[in-house]
Each structure stands twice: as structure tokens, then as C-alpha cells.
């Protein structure tokens, strides 16, 4: 993923604008990325305890899988700790935390 697109993905998650339908439309349809690369990034974030996938209406309902559909407006990727997200994203060089730089092509 390009630096700009990875930054956009991370900021979307931090700004609580990472509803799956939005990610699908922007990153898969418009940018041409595969669901595989998005899942690698998102599931990596989950594995290190930064992200979770929750229900848009009730964030007490977690998910372990993503339904990649343009009409999936019920799942959202969020940071587990939004204060941490803002501090981390805005203090890193270029807005990309070191742990995520491995996804830059």
C-alpha cells in the first residue's frame, strides 16, 4: 500500500470513519486494493491490540471476521483506545507508526 493510502486507512480508523462499506468503496473499488491486503493490515492491528471490529450501532458487539461488501454498513474498524490512536498517528513521522511501515510498498 502507498504511504498516502496507508495513512488514509489509519486516519479513517482513528476518526471512526472505517465502516466496511466505506473501506470497500474507497480502497477496493476506487484504489484497486485487494481484500487480502486490507485484512492483513486490520488483523495485524487486532493482533497487536490496537484495532477491533465492532457493530456500528453497538460497539459491545465484536466481530472476528469482516464481510467485504459494499452494503456492509454494520461493521466498523476502530482503535481500541482512541486517545492512543491520535497521539500515535500524529507524533509519528509521516503519520505512519513504525509497526505498520511493513505494509508500505
N, C-alpha and C. Protein backbone atom coordinates (compact mmCIF):
# COMPACT_ATOMS: atom_id res chain seq x y z
N UNK A 1 0.85 -1.17 0.00
CA UNK A 1 0.00 0.00 0.00
C UNK A 1 0.90 1.24 0.00
N UNK A 2 0.48 2.28 -0.67
CA UNK A 2 1.28 3.50 -0.68
C UNK A 2 1.23 4.17 0.69
N UNK A 3 2.21 5.01 0.96
CA UNK A 3 2.26 5.74 2.23
C UNK A 3 0.98 6.54 2.41
N UNK A 4 0.56 7.24 1.36
CA UNK A 4 -0.63 8.08 1.45
C UNK A 4 -1.88 7.26 1.74
N UNK A 5 -2.01 6.11 1.09
CA UNK A 5 -3.20 5.28 1.30
C UNK A 5 -3.19 4.63 2.67
N UNK A 6 -2.02 4.21 3.14
CA UNK A 6 -1.94 3.63 4.48
C UNK A 6 -2.27 4.69 5.53
N UNK A 7 -1.77 5.89 5.34
CA UNK A 7 -2.10 7.00 6.25
C UNK A 7 -3.60 7.24 6.23
N UNK A 8 -4.21 7.24 5.05
CA UNK A 8 -5.65 7.44 4.93
C UNK A 8 -6.43 6.35 5.66
N UNK A 9 -5.99 5.11 5.53
CA UNK A 9 -6.65 4.00 6.22
C UNK A 9 -6.57 4.17 7.73
N UNK A 10 -5.38 4.45 8.24
CA UNK A 10 -5.19 4.61 9.68
C UNK A 10 -5.97 5.80 10.22
N UNK A 11 -5.98 6.90 9.48
CA UNK A 11 -6.75 8.07 9.91
C UNK A 11 -8.25 7.79 9.87
N UNK A 12 -8.70 7.03 8.88
CA UNK A 12 -10.12 6.66 8.82
C UNK A 12 -10.52 5.87 10.06
N UNK A 13 -9.65 4.97 10.46
CA UNK A 13 -9.93 4.17 11.66
C UNK A 13 -9.93 5.07 12.90
N UNK A 14 -8.95 5.96 13.01
CA UNK A 14 -8.86 6.87 14.16
C UNK A 14 -10.05 7.82 14.23
N UNK A 15 -10.54 8.25 13.08
CA UNK A 15 -11.65 9.20 13.03
C UNK A 15 -13.01 8.51 13.08
N UNK A 16 -13.00 7.20 13.34
CA UNK A 16 -14.21 6.39 13.40
C UNK A 16 -15.03 6.53 12.13
N UNK A 17 -14.32 6.47 11.01
CA UNK A 17 -14.94 6.55 9.69
C UNK A 17 -14.57 5.31 8.87
N UNK A 18 -14.34 4.20 9.56
CA UNK A 18 -13.88 2.98 8.88
C UNK A 18 -14.98 1.92 8.84
N UNK A 19 -16.16 2.34 8.45
CA UNK A 19 -17.25 1.38 8.22
C UNK A 19 -16.85 0.57 6.99
N UNK A 20 -17.10 -0.72 7.02
CA UNK A 20 -16.63 -1.61 5.97
C UNK A 20 -17.11 -1.18 4.59
N UNK A 21 -18.34 -0.73 4.46
CA UNK A 21 -18.81 -0.28 3.14
C UNK A 21 -17.98 0.88 2.61
N UNK A 22 -17.56 1.78 3.49
CA UNK A 22 -16.72 2.91 3.10
C UNK A 22 -15.33 2.44 2.68
N UNK A 23 -14.75 1.54 3.48
CA UNK A 23 -13.43 1.00 3.13
C UNK A 23 -13.49 0.25 1.81
N UNK A 24 -14.56 -0.53 1.63
CA UNK A 24 -14.73 -1.30 0.39
C UNK A 24 -14.79 -0.36 -0.81
N UNK A 25 -15.62 0.66 -0.70
CA UNK A 25 -15.79 1.60 -1.80
C UNK A 25 -14.49 2.33 -2.12
N UNK A 26 -13.82 2.87 -1.12
CA UNK A 26 -12.64 3.68 -1.36
C UNK A 26 -11.41 2.85 -1.72
N UNK A 27 -11.08 1.86 -0.90
CA UNK A 27 -9.82 1.15 -1.09
C UNK A 27 -9.89 0.02 -2.12
N UNK A 28 -11.02 -0.64 -2.23
CA UNK A 28 -11.13 -1.76 -3.17
C UNK A 28 -11.64 -1.28 -4.52
N UNK A 29 -12.77 -0.60 -4.54
CA UNK A 29 -13.32 -0.15 -5.83
C UNK A 29 -12.52 0.99 -6.45
N UNK A 30 -12.24 2.03 -5.66
CA UNK A 30 -11.58 3.22 -6.22
C UNK A 30 -10.06 3.06 -6.36
N UNK A 31 -9.42 2.47 -5.36
CA UNK A 31 -7.96 2.37 -5.35
C UNK A 31 -7.43 1.05 -5.91
N UNK A 32 -8.29 0.03 -5.99
CA UNK A 32 -7.88 -1.24 -6.58
C UNK A 32 -7.14 -2.19 -5.65
N UNK A 33 -7.19 -1.95 -4.35
CA UNK A 33 -6.55 -2.86 -3.41
C UNK A 33 -7.39 -4.12 -3.24
N UNK A 34 -6.73 -5.20 -2.84
CA UNK A 34 -7.44 -6.45 -2.58
C UNK A 34 -7.94 -6.48 -1.14
N UNK A 35 -8.95 -7.32 -0.91
CA UNK A 35 -9.41 -7.50 0.46
C UNK A 35 -8.29 -8.11 1.30
N UNK A 36 -7.42 -8.88 0.67
CA UNK A 36 -6.34 -9.55 1.39
C UNK A 36 -5.41 -8.54 2.06
N UNK A 37 -4.98 -7.49 1.36
CA UNK A 37 -4.07 -6.52 1.96
C UNK A 37 -4.76 -5.74 3.08
N UNK A 38 -6.03 -5.41 2.86
CA UNK A 38 -6.77 -4.70 3.92
C UNK A 38 -6.92 -5.59 5.15
N UNK A 39 -7.23 -6.86 4.94
CA UNK A 39 -7.35 -7.78 6.07
C UNK A 39 -6.01 -7.96 6.78
N UNK A 40 -4.93 -8.04 6.03
CA UNK A 40 -3.61 -8.18 6.66
C UNK A 40 -3.34 -7.02 7.60
N UNK A 41 -3.63 -5.82 7.16
CA UNK A 41 -3.39 -4.62 7.97
C UNK A 41 -4.33 -4.60 9.17
N UNK A 42 -5.61 -4.82 8.93
CA UNK A 42 -6.61 -4.76 10.01
C UNK A 42 -6.37 -5.87 11.04
N UNK A 43 -6.16 -7.10 10.57
CA UNK A 43 -5.95 -8.20 11.51
C UNK A 43 -4.62 -8.08 12.24
N UNK A 44 -3.63 -7.48 11.61
CA UNK A 44 -2.37 -7.19 12.30
C UNK A 44 -2.65 -6.21 13.44
N UNK A 45 -3.41 -5.16 13.14
CA UNK A 45 -3.77 -4.18 14.17
C UNK A 45 -4.54 -4.82 15.32
N UNK A 46 -5.38 -5.80 15.00
CA UNK A 46 -6.11 -6.52 16.05
C UNK A 46 -5.15 -7.38 16.86
N UNK A 47 -4.22 -8.05 16.20
CA UNK A 47 -3.28 -8.95 16.88
C UNK A 47 -2.39 -8.20 17.87
N UNK A 48 -2.05 -6.95 17.56
CA UNK A 48 -1.20 -6.18 18.47
C UNK A 48 -2.02 -5.37 19.48
N UNK A 49 -3.35 -5.53 19.42
CA UNK A 49 -4.21 -4.89 20.40
C UNK A 49 -4.59 -3.45 20.11
N UNK A 50 -4.38 -3.01 18.87
CA UNK A 50 -4.71 -1.63 18.51
C UNK A 50 -6.12 -1.48 17.96
N UNK A 51 -6.58 -2.44 17.16
CA UNK A 51 -7.88 -2.33 16.49
C UNK A 51 -8.85 -3.39 17.00
N UNK A 52 -10.11 -3.11 16.77
CA UNK A 52 -11.15 -4.11 16.92
C UNK A 52 -12.21 -3.84 15.87
N UNK A 53 -12.95 -4.88 15.53
CA UNK A 53 -14.07 -4.75 14.60
C UNK A 53 -15.33 -4.84 15.44
N UNK A 54 -16.16 -3.81 15.34
CA UNK A 54 -17.36 -3.75 16.17
C UNK A 54 -18.59 -3.45 15.32
N UNK A 55 -19.74 -3.63 15.95
CA UNK A 55 -21.01 -3.27 15.34
C UNK A 55 -21.17 -1.76 15.40
N UNK A 56 -21.61 -1.16 14.32
CA UNK A 56 -21.76 0.30 14.25
C UNK A 56 -22.74 0.81 15.30
N UNK A 57 -23.83 0.09 15.49
CA UNK A 57 -24.87 0.52 16.43
C UNK A 57 -24.53 0.21 17.89
N UNK A 58 -23.76 -0.86 18.11
CA UNK A 58 -23.46 -1.29 19.47
C UNK A 58 -22.02 -1.80 19.52
N UNK A 59 -21.12 -0.96 20.01
CA UNK A 59 -19.71 -1.35 20.00
C UNK A 59 -19.37 -2.44 21.02
N UNK A 60 -20.37 -2.92 21.75
CA UNK A 60 -20.18 -4.08 22.62
C UNK A 60 -20.33 -5.39 21.87
N UNK A 61 -20.67 -5.31 20.58
CA UNK A 61 -20.77 -6.50 19.73
C UNK A 61 -19.53 -6.55 18.84
N UNK A 62 -18.56 -7.40 19.20
CA UNK A 62 -17.34 -7.51 18.40
C UNK A 62 -17.48 -8.54 17.29
N UNK A 63 -16.61 -8.43 16.31
CA UNK A 63 -16.55 -9.40 15.21
C UNK A 63 -15.11 -9.88 15.06
N UNK A 64 -14.96 -11.10 14.57
CA UNK A 64 -13.62 -11.63 14.29
C UNK A 64 -13.38 -11.75 12.79
N UNK A 65 -14.43 -11.64 11.99
CA UNK A 65 -14.33 -11.71 10.54
C UNK A 65 -14.95 -10.46 9.93
N UNK A 66 -14.52 -10.14 8.73
CA UNK A 66 -15.06 -8.98 8.01
C UNK A 66 -15.87 -9.48 6.82
N UNK A 67 -17.05 -8.93 6.67
CA UNK A 67 -17.88 -9.22 5.49
C UNK A 67 -17.62 -8.12 4.47
N UNK A 68 -16.76 -8.40 3.48
CA UNK A 68 -16.37 -7.40 2.48
C UNK A 68 -17.48 -7.25 1.45
N UNK A 69 -18.38 -6.30 1.73
CA UNK A 69 -19.49 -6.00 0.81
C UNK A 69 -19.70 -4.49 0.78
N UNK A 70 -20.12 -4.00 -0.35
CA UNK A 70 -20.38 -2.57 -0.50
C UNK A 70 -21.54 -2.11 0.40
N UNK A 71 -22.43 -3.05 0.74
CA UNK A 71 -23.57 -2.68 1.58
C UNK A 71 -23.37 -3.04 3.06
N UNK A 72 -22.14 -3.36 3.45
CA UNK A 72 -21.88 -3.69 4.86
C UNK A 72 -21.71 -2.39 5.64
N UNK A 73 -22.82 -1.91 6.16
CA UNK A 73 -22.79 -0.70 6.96
C UNK A 73 -22.98 -1.00 8.45
N UNK A 74 -22.78 -2.27 8.84
CA UNK A 74 -22.95 -2.65 10.24
C UNK A 74 -21.64 -2.99 10.94
N UNK A 75 -20.55 -3.16 10.20
CA UNK A 75 -19.25 -3.44 10.81
C UNK A 75 -18.33 -2.23 10.63
N UNK A 76 -17.56 -1.96 11.68
CA UNK A 76 -16.63 -0.84 11.64
C UNK A 76 -15.32 -1.24 12.33
N UNK A 77 -14.22 -0.76 11.78
CA UNK A 77 -12.91 -0.96 12.41
C UNK A 77 -12.63 0.28 13.25
N UNK A 78 -12.28 0.07 14.51
CA UNK A 78 -12.00 1.19 15.41
C UNK A 78 -10.71 0.90 16.18
N UNK A 79 -10.09 1.96 16.68
CA UNK A 79 -8.98 1.80 17.60
C UNK A 79 -9.55 1.43 18.96
N UNK A 80 -8.88 0.54 19.65
CA UNK A 80 -9.32 0.15 21.00
C UNK A 80 -9.23 1.34 21.95
N UNK A 81 -8.23 2.20 21.76
CA UNK A 81 -8.02 3.38 22.59
C UNK A 81 -7.81 4.57 21.65
N UNK A 82 -8.84 5.37 21.48
CA UNK A 82 -8.77 6.45 20.50
C UNK A 82 -7.76 7.53 20.90
N UNK A 83 -7.58 7.78 22.19
CA UNK A 83 -6.57 8.76 22.61
C UNK A 83 -5.18 8.30 22.19
N UNK A 84 -4.92 7.01 22.37
CA UNK A 84 -3.65 6.43 21.94
C UNK A 84 -3.49 6.58 20.43
N UNK A 85 -4.57 6.36 19.70
CA UNK A 85 -4.53 6.46 18.23
C UNK A 85 -4.11 7.85 17.79
N UNK A 86 -4.75 8.85 18.35
CA UNK A 86 -4.46 10.23 17.96
C UNK A 86 -3.01 10.58 18.30
N UNK A 87 -2.58 10.24 19.50
CA UNK A 87 -1.20 10.53 19.90
C UNK A 87 -0.20 9.80 19.02
N UNK A 88 -0.49 8.56 18.71
CA UNK A 88 0.43 7.75 17.91
C UNK A 88 0.49 8.23 16.47
N UNK A 89 -0.66 8.47 15.86
CA UNK A 89 -0.68 8.85 14.44
C UNK A 89 -0.11 10.24 14.20
N UNK A 90 -0.31 11.14 15.14
CA UNK A 90 0.13 12.50 14.91
C UNK A 90 1.52 12.79 15.45
N UNK A 91 2.17 11.81 16.07
CA UNK A 91 3.54 12.02 16.53
C UNK A 91 4.55 11.21 15.71
N UNK A 92 4.08 10.36 14.84
CA UNK A 92 4.96 9.55 14.00
C UNK A 92 5.34 10.32 12.74
N UNK A 93 6.54 10.10 12.26
CA UNK A 93 6.99 10.70 11.01
C UNK A 93 6.05 10.27 9.89
N UNK A 94 5.42 11.23 9.24
CA UNK A 94 4.51 10.92 8.14
C UNK A 94 3.19 10.31 8.57
N UNK A 95 2.96 10.22 9.88
CA UNK A 95 1.69 9.68 10.37
C UNK A 95 1.58 8.18 10.32
N UNK A 96 2.67 7.48 10.02
CA UNK A 96 2.65 6.02 9.95
C UNK A 96 3.45 5.46 11.12
N UNK A 97 2.80 4.78 12.06
CA UNK A 97 3.54 4.15 13.16
C UNK A 97 4.54 3.12 12.63
N UNK A 98 5.65 3.00 13.29
CA UNK A 98 6.72 2.09 12.87
C UNK A 98 6.20 0.67 12.64
N UNK A 99 5.31 0.20 13.50
CA UNK A 99 4.78 -1.17 13.38
C UNK A 99 4.04 -1.41 12.07
N UNK A 100 3.53 -0.35 11.45
CA UNK A 100 2.74 -0.50 10.22
C UNK A 100 3.53 -0.20 8.95
N UNK A 101 4.76 0.25 9.09
CA UNK A 101 5.56 0.60 7.91
C UNK A 101 5.85 -0.61 7.03
N UNK A 102 5.74 -1.81 7.58
CA UNK A 102 5.99 -3.01 6.77
C UNK A 102 4.93 -3.21 5.69
N UNK A 103 3.81 -2.49 5.77
CA UNK A 103 2.76 -2.61 4.76
C UNK A 103 2.93 -1.63 3.60
N UNK A 104 3.96 -0.79 3.67
CA UNK A 104 4.22 0.17 2.60
C UNK A 104 4.95 -0.53 1.47
N UNK A 105 4.44 -0.35 0.26
CA UNK A 105 5.08 -0.96 -0.91
C UNK A 105 6.07 -0.01 -1.53
